[in-house]
Amino acid sequence: MRSVLLVTVLLLVISVPAMAQVEPGNALIIFNAGHVWGTSALSEESIDGGALTFTYEMLQPVKPLSIGINIGYSSAQGDTGTGITQVQTSTNSIPFFFGGKYWLGKNKFQGYIGAAFGIYFSWFNSQLVQTGESYNSVGDTGFGMAFPVGMAVSVSDKAFISVNYTLNWLWDSSVLSDDIMNTVNIGLGFKVK
């Protein structure tokens, strides 16, 4: 896992050494969909599923920086046991984050690294597969940080394709306490004045 993140960062640093040619005052709107995976704190089992994210960012007067908000939804599932003891777990989360990105590259290809901090709402449910009986349902809120590394490829003057990996560190919650969740996203973004 660490090697994937390290290789991604190194490729971005080597392949896009120039600062981004962004215009201060422009906004970015990005819609992403992706895959999320990690380990649930309550079941200690591997879980994976899908994620959706909406991002709104303002490009700052200090050219390579943007700040903004990120709102998402993720749902991940996992199974444990077999037969009568088989249990399906599901973990759902809605994060609200505030953060920034440092942009690298030229107009057509722009890489970025970022950090964000915020709050998330999560709920966890376990269900016996054979009977459908639910137990151990918990909802909670907590804090988290996100560290995205990605690239935006312009397809027109106003639109771009966004691809990223995000490492999410979540804490202070019984559902996702001290968990690391990983997300790989692809999406469509728009530059607006």
N, C-alpha and C. Protein backbone atom coordinates (compact mmCIF):
# COMPACT_ATOMS: atom_id res chain seq x y z
N MET A 1 0.82 -1.18 0.00
CA MET A 1 0.00 0.00 0.00
C MET A 1 0.87 1.25 0.00
N ARG A 2 1.86 1.28 0.90
CA ARG A 2 2.74 2.43 0.96
C ARG A 2 3.54 2.59 -0.32
N SER A 3 3.91 1.47 -0.93
CA SER A 3 4.68 1.55 -2.17
C SER A 3 3.85 2.15 -3.30
N VAL A 4 2.54 1.87 -3.36
CA VAL A 4 1.68 2.47 -4.38
C VAL A 4 1.63 3.98 -4.20
N LEU A 5 1.44 4.44 -2.96
CA LEU A 5 1.40 5.87 -2.68
C LEU A 5 2.75 6.53 -3.01
N LEU A 6 3.83 5.90 -2.62
CA LEU A 6 5.16 6.46 -2.89
C LEU A 6 5.43 6.56 -4.39
N VAL A 7 5.11 5.51 -5.15
CA VAL A 7 5.31 5.53 -6.60
C VAL A 7 4.46 6.63 -7.24
N THR A 8 3.20 6.79 -6.80
CA THR A 8 2.33 7.82 -7.35
C THR A 8 2.90 9.21 -7.11
N VAL A 9 3.34 9.47 -5.88
CA VAL A 9 3.92 10.78 -5.57
C VAL A 9 5.18 11.02 -6.39
N LEU A 10 6.05 10.03 -6.48
CA LEU A 10 7.28 10.18 -7.26
C LEU A 10 6.99 10.44 -8.74
N LEU A 11 6.04 9.73 -9.32
CA LEU A 11 5.69 9.95 -10.72
C LEU A 11 5.16 11.36 -10.94
N LEU A 12 4.34 11.83 -10.02
CA LEU A 12 3.83 13.20 -10.15
C LEU A 12 4.95 14.22 -10.07
N VAL A 13 5.86 14.05 -9.11
CA VAL A 13 6.95 15.00 -8.93
C VAL A 13 7.89 14.99 -10.14
N ILE A 14 8.18 13.82 -10.68
CA ILE A 14 9.10 13.71 -11.82
C ILE A 14 8.45 14.18 -13.11
N SER A 15 7.17 13.81 -13.34
CA SER A 15 6.56 14.07 -14.64
C SER A 15 5.95 15.45 -14.79
N VAL A 16 5.68 16.13 -13.70
CA VAL A 16 5.07 17.45 -13.81
C VAL A 16 5.81 18.46 -12.93
N PRO A 17 7.03 18.84 -13.30
CA PRO A 17 7.84 19.68 -12.44
C PRO A 17 7.44 21.15 -12.42
N ALA A 18 6.73 21.64 -13.40
CA ALA A 18 6.39 23.05 -13.43
C ALA A 18 5.13 23.33 -12.63
N MET A 19 5.00 24.56 -12.16
CA MET A 19 3.80 24.94 -11.42
C MET A 19 2.61 25.07 -12.37
N ALA A 20 1.44 24.87 -11.82
CA ALA A 20 0.22 24.92 -12.63
C ALA A 20 -0.04 26.32 -13.15
N GLN A 21 -0.64 26.39 -14.30
CA GLN A 21 -1.03 27.66 -14.90
C GLN A 21 -2.50 27.91 -14.59
N VAL A 22 -2.79 28.15 -13.33
CA VAL A 22 -4.17 28.38 -12.92
C VAL A 22 -4.41 29.87 -12.80
N GLU A 23 -5.68 30.26 -12.90
CA GLU A 23 -6.04 31.67 -12.80
C GLU A 23 -6.72 31.89 -11.46
N PRO A 24 -6.16 32.78 -10.61
CA PRO A 24 -6.78 33.06 -9.32
C PRO A 24 -8.22 33.53 -9.50
N GLY A 25 -9.08 33.12 -8.57
CA GLY A 25 -10.48 33.52 -8.62
C GLY A 25 -11.38 32.51 -9.31
N ASN A 26 -10.80 31.60 -10.10
CA ASN A 26 -11.60 30.54 -10.72
C ASN A 26 -12.00 29.51 -9.67
N ALA A 27 -13.10 28.85 -9.91
CA ALA A 27 -13.55 27.78 -9.03
C ALA A 27 -13.50 26.46 -9.78
N LEU A 28 -13.35 25.39 -9.05
CA LEU A 28 -13.38 24.05 -9.61
C LEU A 28 -14.53 23.29 -8.96
N ILE A 29 -15.32 22.61 -9.78
CA ILE A 29 -16.37 21.73 -9.30
C ILE A 29 -16.04 20.35 -9.84
N ILE A 30 -15.94 19.36 -8.93
CA ILE A 30 -15.51 18.02 -9.32
C ILE A 30 -16.49 16.98 -8.77
N PHE A 31 -16.93 16.08 -9.64
CA PHE A 31 -17.77 14.95 -9.27
C PHE A 31 -16.95 13.68 -9.47
N ASN A 32 -16.75 12.90 -8.40
CA ASN A 32 -15.95 11.67 -8.47
C ASN A 32 -16.77 10.46 -8.07
N ALA A 33 -16.43 9.33 -8.62
CA ALA A 33 -16.96 8.04 -8.19
C ALA A 33 -15.76 7.11 -8.09
N GLY A 34 -15.80 6.19 -7.11
CA GLY A 34 -14.63 5.34 -6.96
C GLY A 34 -14.87 4.12 -6.10
N HIS A 35 -13.76 3.51 -5.75
CA HIS A 35 -13.74 2.28 -4.96
C HIS A 35 -13.07 2.59 -3.62
N VAL A 36 -13.68 2.13 -2.53
CA VAL A 36 -13.13 2.33 -1.19
C VAL A 36 -12.87 0.97 -0.55
N TRP A 37 -11.78 0.87 0.22
CA TRP A 37 -11.49 -0.37 0.94
C TRP A 37 -10.72 -0.07 2.21
N GLY A 38 -10.81 -0.98 3.17
CA GLY A 38 -10.12 -0.83 4.44
C GLY A 38 -10.58 -1.91 5.40
N THR A 39 -10.50 -1.62 6.71
CA THR A 39 -10.90 -2.56 7.75
C THR A 39 -11.87 -1.87 8.69
N SER A 40 -12.99 -2.51 8.97
CA SER A 40 -13.98 -1.96 9.89
C SER A 40 -13.51 -2.16 11.32
N ALA A 41 -13.60 -1.11 12.14
CA ALA A 41 -13.14 -1.17 13.53
C ALA A 41 -13.97 -2.15 14.37
N LEU A 42 -15.27 -2.24 14.13
CA LEU A 42 -16.11 -3.10 14.95
C LEU A 42 -15.98 -4.57 14.58
N SER A 43 -15.85 -4.89 13.32
CA SER A 43 -15.78 -6.29 12.92
C SER A 43 -14.35 -6.75 12.70
N GLU A 44 -13.41 -5.82 12.56
CA GLU A 44 -12.01 -6.10 12.25
C GLU A 44 -11.86 -6.95 10.99
N GLU A 45 -12.80 -6.81 10.08
CA GLU A 45 -12.78 -7.52 8.81
C GLU A 45 -12.52 -6.54 7.68
N SER A 46 -11.95 -7.07 6.60
CA SER A 46 -11.74 -6.24 5.42
C SER A 46 -13.09 -5.91 4.79
N ILE A 47 -13.23 -4.66 4.40
CA ILE A 47 -14.46 -4.23 3.74
C ILE A 47 -14.09 -3.48 2.47
N ASP A 48 -14.97 -3.52 1.49
CA ASP A 48 -14.76 -2.73 0.29
C ASP A 48 -16.12 -2.38 -0.31
N GLY A 49 -16.12 -1.31 -1.12
CA GLY A 49 -17.37 -0.86 -1.70
C GLY A 49 -17.16 0.35 -2.59
N GLY A 50 -18.18 1.21 -2.66
CA GLY A 50 -18.13 2.35 -3.55
C GLY A 50 -18.13 3.68 -2.81
N ALA A 51 -17.75 4.72 -3.53
CA ALA A 51 -17.71 6.07 -2.96
C ALA A 51 -18.12 7.09 -4.02
N LEU A 52 -18.81 8.13 -3.59
CA LEU A 52 -19.16 9.28 -4.42
C LEU A 52 -18.68 10.53 -3.71
N THR A 53 -18.16 11.49 -4.45
CA THR A 53 -17.62 12.71 -3.84
C THR A 53 -17.96 13.93 -4.68
N PHE A 54 -18.32 15.02 -4.01
CA PHE A 54 -18.51 16.32 -4.63
C PHE A 54 -17.49 17.27 -4.01
N THR A 55 -16.75 17.99 -4.84
CA THR A 55 -15.74 18.94 -4.37
C THR A 55 -15.98 20.30 -5.01
N TYR A 56 -15.87 21.35 -4.18
CA TYR A 56 -15.92 22.72 -4.67
C TYR A 56 -14.67 23.42 -4.14
N GLU A 57 -13.84 23.94 -5.05
CA GLU A 57 -12.59 24.59 -4.66
C GLU A 57 -12.44 25.93 -5.34
N MET A 58 -11.80 26.85 -4.65
CA MET A 58 -11.43 28.15 -5.21
C MET A 58 -9.92 28.19 -5.39
N LEU A 59 -9.48 28.57 -6.59
CA LEU A 59 -8.06 28.74 -6.84
C LEU A 59 -7.62 30.05 -6.20
N GLN A 60 -6.53 30.02 -5.46
CA GLN A 60 -6.08 31.16 -4.67
C GLN A 60 -5.13 32.07 -5.43
N PRO A 61 -4.97 33.32 -4.94
CA PRO A 61 -4.02 34.25 -5.58
C PRO A 61 -2.58 33.71 -5.59
N VAL A 62 -2.24 32.90 -4.58
CA VAL A 62 -0.95 32.21 -4.62
C VAL A 62 -1.16 31.07 -5.60
N LYS A 63 -0.64 31.21 -6.82
CA LYS A 63 -1.08 30.43 -7.98
C LYS A 63 -1.26 28.92 -7.80
N PRO A 64 -0.34 28.17 -7.23
CA PRO A 64 -0.57 26.72 -7.28
C PRO A 64 -1.49 26.17 -6.18
N LEU A 65 -2.19 27.02 -5.43
CA LEU A 65 -3.01 26.54 -4.32
C LEU A 65 -4.50 26.67 -4.59
N SER A 66 -5.26 25.71 -4.05
CA SER A 66 -6.71 25.80 -4.05
C SER A 66 -7.21 25.37 -2.68
N ILE A 67 -8.32 25.96 -2.22
CA ILE A 67 -8.95 25.54 -0.98
C ILE A 67 -10.43 25.32 -1.25
N GLY A 68 -11.04 24.43 -0.46
CA GLY A 68 -12.44 24.17 -0.71
C GLY A 68 -13.04 23.16 0.23
N ILE A 69 -14.24 22.71 -0.13
CA ILE A 69 -14.98 21.74 0.66
C ILE A 69 -15.15 20.44 -0.14
N ASN A 70 -15.31 19.37 0.59
CA ASN A 70 -15.46 18.05 0.00
C ASN A 70 -16.56 17.33 0.77
N ILE A 71 -17.60 16.89 0.07
CA ILE A 71 -18.70 16.15 0.69
C ILE A 71 -18.82 14.83 -0.05
N GLY A 72 -18.94 13.75 0.70
CA GLY A 72 -18.97 12.44 0.05
C GLY A 72 -19.92 11.46 0.70
N TYR A 73 -19.96 10.30 0.11
CA TYR A 73 -20.70 9.17 0.65
C TYR A 73 -19.96 7.91 0.27
N SER A 74 -19.75 7.02 1.24
CA SER A 74 -19.15 5.72 0.91
C SER A 74 -19.92 4.62 1.61
N SER A 75 -19.97 3.49 0.96
CA SER A 75 -20.64 2.31 1.50
C SER A 75 -19.75 1.11 1.21
N ALA A 76 -19.36 0.40 2.28
CA ALA A 76 -18.47 -0.75 2.11
C ALA A 76 -19.03 -1.94 2.88
N GLN A 77 -18.84 -3.13 2.33
CA GLN A 77 -19.35 -4.36 2.93
C GLN A 77 -18.24 -5.39 3.06
N GLY A 78 -18.49 -6.36 3.94
CA GLY A 78 -17.57 -7.49 4.10
C GLY A 78 -18.31 -8.66 4.71
N ASP A 79 -17.78 -9.86 4.52
CA ASP A 79 -18.38 -11.09 5.06
C ASP A 79 -17.38 -11.79 5.96
N THR A 80 -17.90 -12.44 7.03
CA THR A 80 -17.09 -13.29 7.89
C THR A 80 -17.84 -14.59 8.13
N GLY A 81 -17.12 -15.63 8.45
CA GLY A 81 -17.73 -16.91 8.79
C GLY A 81 -18.32 -17.61 7.59
N THR A 82 -18.91 -18.81 7.88
CA THR A 82 -19.58 -19.60 6.84
C THR A 82 -20.82 -20.23 7.42
N GLY A 83 -21.71 -20.67 6.55
CA GLY A 83 -22.91 -21.38 6.98
C GLY A 83 -23.77 -20.56 7.91
N ILE A 84 -24.17 -21.19 9.03
CA ILE A 84 -25.08 -20.53 9.98
C ILE A 84 -24.42 -19.34 10.67
N THR A 85 -23.10 -19.30 10.72
CA THR A 85 -22.40 -18.19 11.40
C THR A 85 -21.93 -17.11 10.44
N GLN A 86 -22.31 -17.21 9.15
CA GLN A 86 -21.87 -16.20 8.20
C GLN A 86 -22.54 -14.86 8.52
N VAL A 87 -21.70 -13.83 8.63
CA VAL A 87 -22.18 -12.49 8.98
C VAL A 87 -21.74 -11.52 7.89
N GLN A 88 -22.65 -10.69 7.46
CA GLN A 88 -22.32 -9.63 6.51
C GLN A 88 -22.32 -8.31 7.27
N THR A 89 -21.24 -7.55 7.12
CA THR A 89 -21.15 -6.25 7.77
C THR A 89 -21.20 -5.16 6.71
N SER A 90 -21.77 -4.03 7.08
CA SER A 90 -21.76 -2.89 6.19
C SER A 90 -21.39 -1.65 7.00
N THR A 91 -20.57 -0.81 6.40
CA THR A 91 -20.16 0.45 7.01
C THR A 91 -20.44 1.55 6.00
N ASN A 92 -21.17 2.57 6.43
CA ASN A 92 -21.50 3.70 5.58
C ASN A 92 -20.98 4.97 6.23
N SER A 93 -20.54 5.90 5.43
CA SER A 93 -19.96 7.13 5.98
C SER A 93 -20.28 8.32 5.08
N ILE A 94 -20.54 9.47 5.71
CA ILE A 94 -20.74 10.74 5.01
C ILE A 94 -19.74 11.74 5.59
N PRO A 95 -18.65 12.03 4.87
CA PRO A 95 -17.68 13.01 5.37
C PRO A 95 -17.94 14.42 4.85
N PHE A 96 -17.65 15.40 5.68
CA PHE A 96 -17.65 16.83 5.32
C PHE A 96 -16.26 17.35 5.65
N PHE A 97 -15.48 17.65 4.63
CA PHE A 97 -14.08 18.04 4.85
C PHE A 97 -13.80 19.41 4.26
N PHE A 98 -12.85 20.12 4.87
CA PHE A 98 -12.32 21.37 4.38
C PHE A 98 -10.83 21.16 4.16
N GLY A 99 -10.32 21.55 2.98
CA GLY A 99 -8.91 21.32 2.73
C GLY A 99 -8.36 22.11 1.58
N GLY A 100 -7.16 21.76 1.21
CA GLY A 100 -6.48 22.44 0.12
C GLY A 100 -5.63 21.50 -0.70
N LYS A 101 -5.25 21.99 -1.87
CA LYS A 101 -4.40 21.22 -2.78
C LYS A 101 -3.28 22.12 -3.30
N TYR A 102 -2.16 21.52 -3.54
CA TYR A 102 -1.03 22.18 -4.19
C TYR A 102 -0.95 21.58 -5.59
N TRP A 103 -1.12 22.44 -6.60
CA TRP A 103 -1.19 21.99 -8.00
C TRP A 103 0.17 22.05 -8.66
N LEU A 104 0.45 21.05 -9.49
CA LEU A 104 1.70 20.95 -10.25
C LEU A 104 1.37 20.73 -11.72
N GLY A 105 2.24 21.16 -12.61
CA GLY A 105 2.06 20.82 -14.01
C GLY A 105 1.70 21.98 -14.90
N LYS A 106 1.41 21.63 -16.15
CA LYS A 106 1.02 22.62 -17.15
C LYS A 106 -0.48 22.58 -17.34
N ASN A 107 -0.99 23.36 -18.28
CA ASN A 107 -2.43 23.47 -18.46
C ASN A 107 -3.13 22.15 -18.74
N LYS A 108 -2.63 21.33 -19.65
CA LYS A 108 -3.32 20.10 -20.05
C LYS A 108 -3.23 19.01 -18.97
N PHE A 109 -2.05 18.82 -18.39
CA PHE A 109 -1.84 17.81 -17.36
C PHE A 109 -1.43 18.50 -16.06
N GLN A 110 -2.24 18.33 -15.03
CA GLN A 110 -1.92 18.93 -13.74
C GLN A 110 -2.02 17.87 -12.66
N GLY A 111 -0.96 17.73 -11.90
CA GLY A 111 -0.97 16.84 -10.76
C GLY A 111 -1.26 17.65 -9.50
N TYR A 112 -1.63 16.98 -8.44
CA TYR A 112 -1.84 17.68 -7.18
C TYR A 112 -1.62 16.75 -5.99
N ILE A 113 -1.28 17.37 -4.88
CA ILE A 113 -1.24 16.71 -3.58
C ILE A 113 -2.05 17.59 -2.65
N GLY A 114 -2.67 17.00 -1.65
CA GLY A 114 -3.51 17.81 -0.79
C GLY A 114 -3.67 17.24 0.60
N ALA A 115 -4.39 17.98 1.41
CA ALA A 115 -4.74 17.56 2.77
C ALA A 115 -6.08 18.20 3.12
N ALA A 116 -6.88 17.49 3.89
CA ALA A 116 -8.18 18.01 4.32
C ALA A 116 -8.49 17.48 5.72
N PHE A 117 -9.29 18.24 6.44
CA PHE A 117 -9.69 17.88 7.80
C PHE A 117 -11.19 18.10 7.92
N GLY A 118 -11.85 17.23 8.68
CA GLY A 118 -13.29 17.44 8.84
C GLY A 118 -13.95 16.45 9.76
N ILE A 119 -15.25 16.39 9.63
CA ILE A 119 -16.08 15.52 10.45
C ILE A 119 -16.80 14.53 9.52
N TYR A 120 -17.09 13.36 10.05
CA TYR A 120 -17.84 12.39 9.26
C TYR A 120 -18.88 11.71 10.14
N PHE A 121 -19.94 11.32 9.51
CA PHE A 121 -21.02 10.60 10.16
C PHE A 121 -20.99 9.18 9.62
N SER A 122 -20.98 8.19 10.51
CA SER A 122 -20.86 6.80 10.08
C SER A 122 -21.88 5.93 10.79
N TRP A 123 -22.24 4.85 10.14
CA TRP A 123 -23.07 3.85 10.78
C TRP A 123 -22.63 2.47 10.30
N PHE A 124 -22.76 1.52 11.21
CA PHE A 124 -22.27 0.16 11.02
C PHE A 124 -23.42 -0.80 11.32
N ASN A 125 -23.52 -1.88 10.55
CA ASN A 125 -24.55 -2.87 10.78
C ASN A 125 -24.00 -4.25 10.48
N SER A 126 -24.32 -5.20 11.36
CA SER A 126 -24.00 -6.62 11.14
C SER A 126 -25.30 -7.37 10.96
N GLN A 127 -25.29 -8.35 10.04
CA GLN A 127 -26.51 -9.11 9.76
C GLN A 127 -26.13 -10.57 9.51
N LEU A 128 -26.85 -11.49 10.18
CA LEU A 128 -26.66 -12.91 9.91
C LEU A 128 -27.21 -13.21 8.52
N VAL A 129 -26.40 -13.77 7.65
CA VAL A 129 -26.79 -13.99 6.26
C VAL A 129 -27.95 -14.98 6.17
N GLN A 130 -27.90 -16.08 6.94
CA GLN A 130 -28.92 -17.12 6.82
C GLN A 130 -30.29 -16.66 7.31
N THR A 131 -30.35 -15.90 8.39
CA THR A 131 -31.64 -15.50 8.96
C THR A 131 -32.04 -14.07 8.62
N GLY A 132 -31.09 -13.24 8.21
CA GLY A 132 -31.36 -11.84 7.94
C GLY A 132 -31.46 -10.99 9.19
N GLU A 133 -31.18 -11.60 10.35
CA GLU A 133 -31.28 -10.89 11.64
C GLU A 133 -30.14 -9.88 11.78
N SER A 134 -30.51 -8.63 12.11
CA SER A 134 -29.52 -7.57 12.32
C SER A 134 -29.15 -7.48 13.78
N TYR A 135 -27.88 -7.20 14.02
CA TYR A 135 -27.42 -6.94 15.38
C TYR A 135 -26.20 -6.03 15.28
N ASN A 136 -25.80 -5.49 16.38
CA ASN A 136 -24.61 -4.64 16.45
C ASN A 136 -24.72 -3.43 15.50
N SER A 137 -25.88 -2.78 15.47
CA SER A 137 -26.04 -1.57 14.66
C SER A 137 -25.61 -0.37 15.48
N VAL A 138 -24.70 0.42 14.94
CA VAL A 138 -24.13 1.56 15.66
C VAL A 138 -24.01 2.73 14.70
N GLY A 139 -24.36 3.93 15.15
CA GLY A 139 -24.14 5.15 14.39
C GLY A 139 -23.30 6.10 15.23
N ASP A 140 -22.46 6.89 14.60
CA ASP A 140 -21.56 7.75 15.36
C ASP A 140 -21.01 8.85 14.47
N THR A 141 -20.37 9.83 15.08
CA THR A 141 -19.63 10.86 14.35
C THR A 141 -18.19 10.83 14.82
N GLY A 142 -17.30 11.34 14.00
CA GLY A 142 -15.90 11.39 14.37
C GLY A 142 -15.16 12.38 13.50
N PHE A 143 -13.87 12.45 13.68
CA PHE A 143 -13.02 13.36 12.92
C PHE A 143 -12.15 12.57 11.97
N GLY A 144 -11.67 13.24 10.94
CA GLY A 144 -10.81 12.56 10.00
C GLY A 144 -9.96 13.52 9.21
N MET A 145 -8.97 12.95 8.57
CA MET A 145 -8.12 13.69 7.65
C MET A 145 -8.03 12.90 6.36
N ALA A 146 -7.88 13.60 5.26
CA ALA A 146 -7.75 12.97 3.94
C ALA A 146 -6.52 13.54 3.25
N PHE A 147 -5.79 12.67 2.57
CA PHE A 147 -4.57 13.07 1.87
C PHE A 147 -4.65 12.58 0.42
N PRO A 148 -5.17 13.42 -0.49
CA PRO A 148 -5.29 13.01 -1.89
C PRO A 148 -4.01 13.26 -2.69
N VAL A 149 -3.78 12.40 -3.65
CA VAL A 149 -2.72 12.55 -4.66
C VAL A 149 -3.39 12.22 -5.98
N GLY A 150 -3.31 13.13 -6.95
CA GLY A 150 -4.02 12.85 -8.18
C GLY A 150 -3.56 13.67 -9.35
N MET A 151 -4.35 13.56 -10.41
CA MET A 151 -4.04 14.25 -11.65
C MET A 151 -5.34 14.69 -12.32
N ALA A 152 -5.29 15.88 -12.94
CA ALA A 152 -6.40 16.38 -13.74
C ALA A 152 -5.91 16.54 -15.17
N VAL A 153 -6.65 15.99 -16.12
CA VAL A 153 -6.29 16.07 -17.54
C VAL A 153 -7.38 16.86 -18.25
N SER A 154 -7.03 18.01 -18.82
CA SER A 154 -8.00 18.86 -19.50
C SER A 154 -8.52 18.19 -20.76
N VAL A 155 -9.84 18.24 -20.94
CA VAL A 155 -10.46 17.75 -22.17
C VAL A 155 -11.03 18.91 -22.98
N SER A 156 -11.12 20.09 -22.34
CA SER A 156 -11.52 21.33 -23.01
C SER A 156 -11.06 22.48 -22.12
N ASP A 157 -11.37 23.71 -22.51
CA ASP A 157 -10.99 24.87 -21.70
C ASP A 157 -11.67 24.87 -20.34
N LYS A 158 -12.84 24.26 -20.25
CA LYS A 158 -13.63 24.31 -19.01
C LYS A 158 -13.81 22.96 -18.31
N ALA A 159 -13.43 21.86 -18.95
CA ALA A 159 -13.68 20.54 -18.37
C ALA A 159 -12.39 19.74 -18.27
N PHE A 160 -12.33 18.85 -17.27
CA PHE A 160 -11.17 17.99 -17.10
C PHE A 160 -11.59 16.67 -16.45
N ILE A 161 -10.76 15.66 -16.66
CA ILE A 161 -10.95 14.36 -16.02
C ILE A 161 -10.02 14.32 -14.82
N SER A 162 -10.55 13.90 -13.69
CA SER A 162 -9.79 13.83 -12.45
C SER A 162 -9.61 12.36 -12.05
N VAL A 163 -8.39 11.99 -11.71
CA VAL A 163 -8.08 10.65 -11.21
C VAL A 163 -7.25 10.83 -9.95
N ASN A 164 -7.63 10.13 -8.86
CA ASN A 164 -6.85 10.28 -7.64
C ASN A 164 -6.92 9.07 -6.73
N TYR A 165 -5.94 9.04 -5.83
CA TYR A 165 -5.92 8.10 -4.71
C TYR A 165 -5.99 8.95 -3.45
N THR A 166 -6.83 8.57 -2.50
CA THR A 166 -6.93 9.30 -1.24
C THR A 166 -6.76 8.35 -0.08
N LEU A 167 -5.86 8.71 0.82
CA LEU A 167 -5.66 7.99 2.07
C LEU A 167 -6.49 8.73 3.12
N ASN A 168 -7.45 8.04 3.75
CA ASN A 168 -8.33 8.65 4.75
C ASN A 168 -7.99 8.09 6.12
N TRP A 169 -7.67 8.97 7.06
CA TRP A 169 -7.39 8.56 8.44
C TRP A 169 -8.56 9.05 9.27
N LEU A 170 -9.27 8.12 9.91
CA LEU A 170 -10.48 8.41 10.65
C LEU A 170 -10.28 8.05 12.11
N TRP A 171 -10.72 8.94 13.02
CA TRP A 171 -10.57 8.66 14.44
C TRP A 171 -11.73 9.24 15.25
N ASP A 172 -11.73 8.92 16.55
CA ASP A 172 -12.71 9.45 17.50
C ASP A 172 -14.13 9.00 17.17
N SER A 173 -14.28 7.74 16.79
CA SER A 173 -15.60 7.19 16.51
C SER A 173 -15.57 5.70 16.82
N SER A 174 -16.66 5.18 17.36
CA SER A 174 -16.71 3.74 17.63
C SER A 174 -16.83 2.93 16.35
N VAL A 175 -17.32 3.55 15.27
CA VAL A 175 -17.52 2.83 14.02
C VAL A 175 -16.22 2.74 13.21
N LEU A 176 -15.51 3.84 13.08
CA LEU A 176 -14.30 3.87 12.26
C LEU A 176 -13.11 4.45 13.03
N SER A 177 -12.96 4.06 14.29
CA SER A 177 -11.93 4.64 15.14
C SER A 177 -10.53 4.20 14.72
N ASP A 178 -9.66 5.18 14.51
CA ASP A 178 -8.27 4.95 14.12
C ASP A 178 -8.15 4.01 12.92
N ASP A 179 -9.02 4.19 11.97
CA ASP A 179 -9.01 3.37 10.76
C ASP A 179 -8.36 4.12 9.62
N ILE A 180 -7.77 3.37 8.74
CA ILE A 180 -7.25 3.89 7.49
C ILE A 180 -8.14 3.32 6.38
N MET A 181 -8.77 4.20 5.63
CA MET A 181 -9.57 3.78 4.49
C MET A 181 -8.91 4.33 3.23
N ASN A 182 -8.94 3.58 2.17
CA ASN A 182 -8.32 3.96 0.91
C ASN A 182 -9.41 4.17 -0.14
N THR A 183 -9.21 5.17 -0.99
CA THR A 183 -10.17 5.42 -2.05
C THR A 183 -9.43 5.73 -3.35
N VAL A 184 -9.86 5.11 -4.44
CA VAL A 184 -9.38 5.44 -5.77
C VAL A 184 -10.58 5.97 -6.54
N ASN A 185 -10.45 7.18 -7.09
CA ASN A 185 -11.56 7.86 -7.75
C ASN A 185 -11.24 8.24 -9.18
N ILE A 186 -12.27 8.32 -9.98
CA ILE A 186 -12.19 8.94 -11.30
C ILE A 186 -13.43 9.83 -11.42
N GLY A 187 -13.25 10.99 -12.01
CA GLY A 187 -14.39 11.88 -12.08
C GLY A 187 -14.26 12.93 -13.16
N LEU A 188 -15.24 13.79 -13.18
CA LEU A 188 -15.30 14.88 -14.15
C LEU A 188 -15.34 16.19 -13.39
N GLY A 189 -14.49 17.13 -13.81
CA GLY A 189 -14.43 18.43 -13.17
C GLY A 189 -14.67 19.55 -14.15
N PHE A 190 -15.08 20.70 -13.61
CA PHE A 190 -15.37 21.87 -14.42
C PHE A 190 -14.73 23.11 -13.80
N LYS A 191 -14.16 23.96 -14.65
CA LYS A 191 -13.62 25.25 -14.21
C LYS A 191 -14.70 26.29 -14.44
N VAL A 192 -15.03 27.05 -13.40
CA VAL A 192 -16.04 28.11 -13.52
C VAL A 192 -15.45 29.41 -13.00
N LYS A 193 -15.88 30.52 -13.58
CA LYS A 193 -15.37 31.83 -13.14
C LYS A 193 -16.19 32.37 -12.02
